[in-house]
Amino acid sequence: MEFDILGSVENLPNGKVFIDAISNDLHLDKLIKWCWTGSPFSNVTGVEVNEVEIEHLPKGFIIKR
C-alpha cells in the first residue's frame, strides 16, 4: 500500500518496527490503520503513536536496514 508520506521505516533488533512519518492527517490516519494489520508476515500486537517536532524535512520515504 502506498501513501503520500515522507520519512522512514526501520526494523528494530527487539522485533518492533519504528516508522518516522510526515504527511497530512488523512494519509497519516491511513498509515496508522494499516499498521494495525501490517504485512502478511507480521504479527501486530500494538501500535503506539507519538507526535514530535521535526528537525528537518526528509526528501522521500526510505527503508532503513
N, C-alpha and C. Protein backbone atom coordinates (compact mmCIF):
# COMPACT_ATOMS: atom_id res chain seq x y z
N MET A 1 0.85 -1.18 0.00
CA MET A 1 0.00 0.00 0.00
C MET A 1 0.89 1.24 0.00
N GLU A 2 0.56 2.22 -0.79
CA GLU A 2 1.36 3.44 -0.89
C GLU A 2 0.61 4.62 -0.29
N PHE A 3 1.36 5.49 0.35
CA PHE A 3 0.82 6.70 0.95
C PHE A 3 1.69 7.87 0.51
N ASP A 4 1.13 9.05 0.53
CA ASP A 4 1.89 10.27 0.21
C ASP A 4 2.56 10.74 1.50
N ILE A 5 3.65 10.05 1.89
CA ILE A 5 4.29 10.27 3.18
C ILE A 5 5.80 10.41 3.00
N LEU A 6 6.40 11.28 3.79
CA LEU A 6 7.86 11.42 3.86
C LEU A 6 8.32 10.80 5.17
N GLY A 7 9.52 10.22 5.19
CA GLY A 7 10.06 9.66 6.42
C GLY A 7 10.82 8.38 6.20
N SER A 8 10.72 7.46 7.18
CA SER A 8 11.46 6.21 7.09
C SER A 8 10.80 5.14 7.93
N VAL A 9 11.19 3.90 7.66
CA VAL A 9 10.74 2.75 8.45
C VAL A 9 11.97 1.89 8.74
N GLU A 10 11.99 1.32 9.94
CA GLU A 10 13.16 0.52 10.35
C GLU A 10 12.72 -0.63 11.24
N ASN A 11 13.21 -1.85 10.95
CA ASN A 11 13.00 -2.99 11.83
C ASN A 11 14.04 -2.92 12.94
N LEU A 12 13.58 -2.92 14.18
CA LEU A 12 14.47 -2.82 15.33
C LEU A 12 14.89 -4.21 15.81
N PRO A 13 16.03 -4.31 16.49
CA PRO A 13 16.52 -5.61 16.97
C PRO A 13 15.54 -6.33 17.90
N ASN A 14 14.68 -5.59 18.61
CA ASN A 14 13.74 -6.21 19.54
C ASN A 14 12.47 -6.72 18.86
N GLY A 15 12.42 -6.66 17.52
CA GLY A 15 11.27 -7.16 16.78
C GLY A 15 10.22 -6.11 16.47
N LYS A 16 10.39 -4.93 17.04
CA LYS A 16 9.45 -3.84 16.78
C LYS A 16 9.82 -3.13 15.48
N VAL A 17 8.90 -2.34 14.97
CA VAL A 17 9.12 -1.55 13.77
C VAL A 17 8.95 -0.09 14.14
N PHE A 18 9.91 0.75 13.74
CA PHE A 18 9.85 2.19 14.00
C PHE A 18 9.58 2.91 12.69
N ILE A 19 8.51 3.70 12.66
CA ILE A 19 8.16 4.49 11.48
C ILE A 19 8.21 5.95 11.87
N ASP A 20 8.94 6.73 11.11
CA ASP A 20 9.04 8.18 11.28
C ASP A 20 8.35 8.76 10.05
N ALA A 21 7.18 9.39 10.21
CA ALA A 21 6.39 9.78 9.06
C ALA A 21 5.87 11.21 9.17
N ILE A 22 5.87 11.88 8.00
CA ILE A 22 5.35 13.24 7.89
C ILE A 22 4.38 13.26 6.72
N SER A 23 3.16 13.76 6.95
CA SER A 23 2.18 13.89 5.89
C SER A 23 0.99 14.66 6.43
N ASN A 24 -0.07 14.72 5.65
CA ASN A 24 -1.29 15.34 6.17
C ASN A 24 -2.04 14.33 7.04
N ASP A 25 -3.02 14.80 7.80
CA ASP A 25 -3.73 13.94 8.74
C ASP A 25 -4.40 12.74 8.07
N LEU A 26 -4.98 12.94 6.90
CA LEU A 26 -5.67 11.85 6.21
C LEU A 26 -4.71 10.71 5.88
N HIS A 27 -3.55 11.04 5.31
CA HIS A 27 -2.58 9.99 4.96
C HIS A 27 -1.98 9.33 6.21
N LEU A 28 -1.73 10.11 7.24
CA LEU A 28 -1.20 9.52 8.47
C LEU A 28 -2.23 8.60 9.12
N ASP A 29 -3.50 8.98 9.10
CA ASP A 29 -4.55 8.11 9.65
C ASP A 29 -4.62 6.79 8.89
N LYS A 30 -4.48 6.84 7.56
CA LYS A 30 -4.47 5.61 6.75
C LYS A 30 -3.27 4.74 7.09
N LEU A 31 -2.10 5.37 7.28
CA LEU A 31 -0.91 4.62 7.64
C LEU A 31 -1.07 3.94 9.00
N ILE A 32 -1.59 4.68 9.96
CA ILE A 32 -1.78 4.11 11.30
C ILE A 32 -2.76 2.94 11.24
N LYS A 33 -3.84 3.08 10.48
CA LYS A 33 -4.80 1.98 10.34
C LYS A 33 -4.13 0.77 9.71
N TRP A 34 -3.30 0.99 8.67
CA TRP A 34 -2.60 -0.11 8.02
C TRP A 34 -1.63 -0.80 8.99
N CYS A 35 -1.01 -0.02 9.88
CA CYS A 35 -0.05 -0.58 10.83
C CYS A 35 -0.69 -1.63 11.74
N TRP A 36 -1.97 -1.51 12.01
CA TRP A 36 -2.66 -2.49 12.85
C TRP A 36 -2.76 -3.84 12.14
N THR A 37 -2.67 -3.86 10.81
CA THR A 37 -2.69 -5.10 10.05
C THR A 37 -1.27 -5.53 9.72
N GLY A 38 -0.48 -4.60 9.18
CA GLY A 38 0.90 -4.90 8.82
C GLY A 38 1.01 -5.73 7.57
N SER A 39 2.21 -6.21 7.32
CA SER A 39 2.46 -7.05 6.15
C SER A 39 1.94 -8.46 6.42
N PRO A 40 1.86 -9.29 5.36
CA PRO A 40 1.39 -10.67 5.56
C PRO A 40 2.25 -11.49 6.53
N PHE A 41 3.51 -11.10 6.73
CA PHE A 41 4.42 -11.86 7.59
C PHE A 41 4.51 -11.29 9.00
N SER A 42 3.71 -10.26 9.31
CA SER A 42 3.83 -9.61 10.61
C SER A 42 2.83 -10.16 11.62
N ASN A 43 3.13 -9.93 12.88
CA ASN A 43 2.25 -10.28 13.99
C ASN A 43 2.11 -9.03 14.85
N VAL A 44 1.13 -8.20 14.54
CA VAL A 44 0.96 -6.91 15.21
C VAL A 44 0.24 -7.11 16.54
N THR A 45 0.88 -6.66 17.64
CA THR A 45 0.26 -6.75 18.96
C THR A 45 -0.07 -5.37 19.53
N GLY A 46 0.38 -4.32 18.86
CA GLY A 46 0.07 -2.96 19.32
C GLY A 46 0.69 -1.93 18.40
N VAL A 47 0.13 -0.73 18.44
CA VAL A 47 0.63 0.40 17.68
C VAL A 47 0.67 1.59 18.62
N GLU A 48 1.82 2.24 18.70
CA GLU A 48 1.98 3.42 19.55
C GLU A 48 2.26 4.61 18.64
N VAL A 49 1.53 5.70 18.84
CA VAL A 49 1.68 6.89 18.01
C VAL A 49 2.11 8.06 18.90
N ASN A 50 3.17 8.75 18.48
CA ASN A 50 3.66 9.93 19.21
C ASN A 50 3.85 11.07 18.23
N GLU A 51 3.41 12.25 18.60
CA GLU A 51 3.65 13.45 17.80
C GLU A 51 4.89 14.13 18.32
N VAL A 52 5.79 14.47 17.41
CA VAL A 52 7.04 15.14 17.79
C VAL A 52 7.31 16.28 16.81
N GLU A 53 8.13 17.22 17.24
CA GLU A 53 8.57 18.31 16.37
C GLU A 53 9.63 17.77 15.42
N ILE A 54 9.57 18.17 14.16
CA ILE A 54 10.58 17.70 13.21
C ILE A 54 11.75 18.68 13.17
N GLU A 55 12.95 18.13 13.00
CA GLU A 55 14.15 18.95 12.91
C GLU A 55 14.48 19.28 11.47
N HIS A 56 14.16 18.38 10.55
CA HIS A 56 14.40 18.61 9.13
C HIS A 56 13.38 17.81 8.34
N LEU A 57 13.06 18.26 7.16
CA LEU A 57 12.08 17.59 6.31
C LEU A 57 12.80 16.56 5.44
N PRO A 58 12.41 15.28 5.53
CA PRO A 58 13.04 14.26 4.69
C PRO A 58 12.72 14.51 3.22
N LYS A 59 13.55 13.96 2.34
CA LYS A 59 13.37 14.14 0.90
C LYS A 59 12.50 13.08 0.27
N GLY A 60 12.18 12.05 0.99
CA GLY A 60 11.36 10.95 0.46
C GLY A 60 11.02 9.99 1.58
N PHE A 61 10.76 8.73 1.24
CA PHE A 61 10.50 7.71 2.24
C PHE A 61 11.48 6.58 2.00
N ILE A 62 12.25 6.23 3.03
CA ILE A 62 13.29 5.20 2.86
C ILE A 62 13.07 4.05 3.84
N ILE A 63 13.59 2.90 3.46
CA ILE A 63 13.60 1.72 4.33
C ILE A 63 15.01 1.58 4.86
N LYS A 64 15.15 1.72 6.19
CA LYS A 64 16.47 1.56 6.81
C LYS A 64 16.71 0.10 7.10
N ARG A 65 17.93 -0.30 7.04
CA ARG A 65 18.28 -1.71 7.31
C ARG A 65 19.11 -1.82 8.53
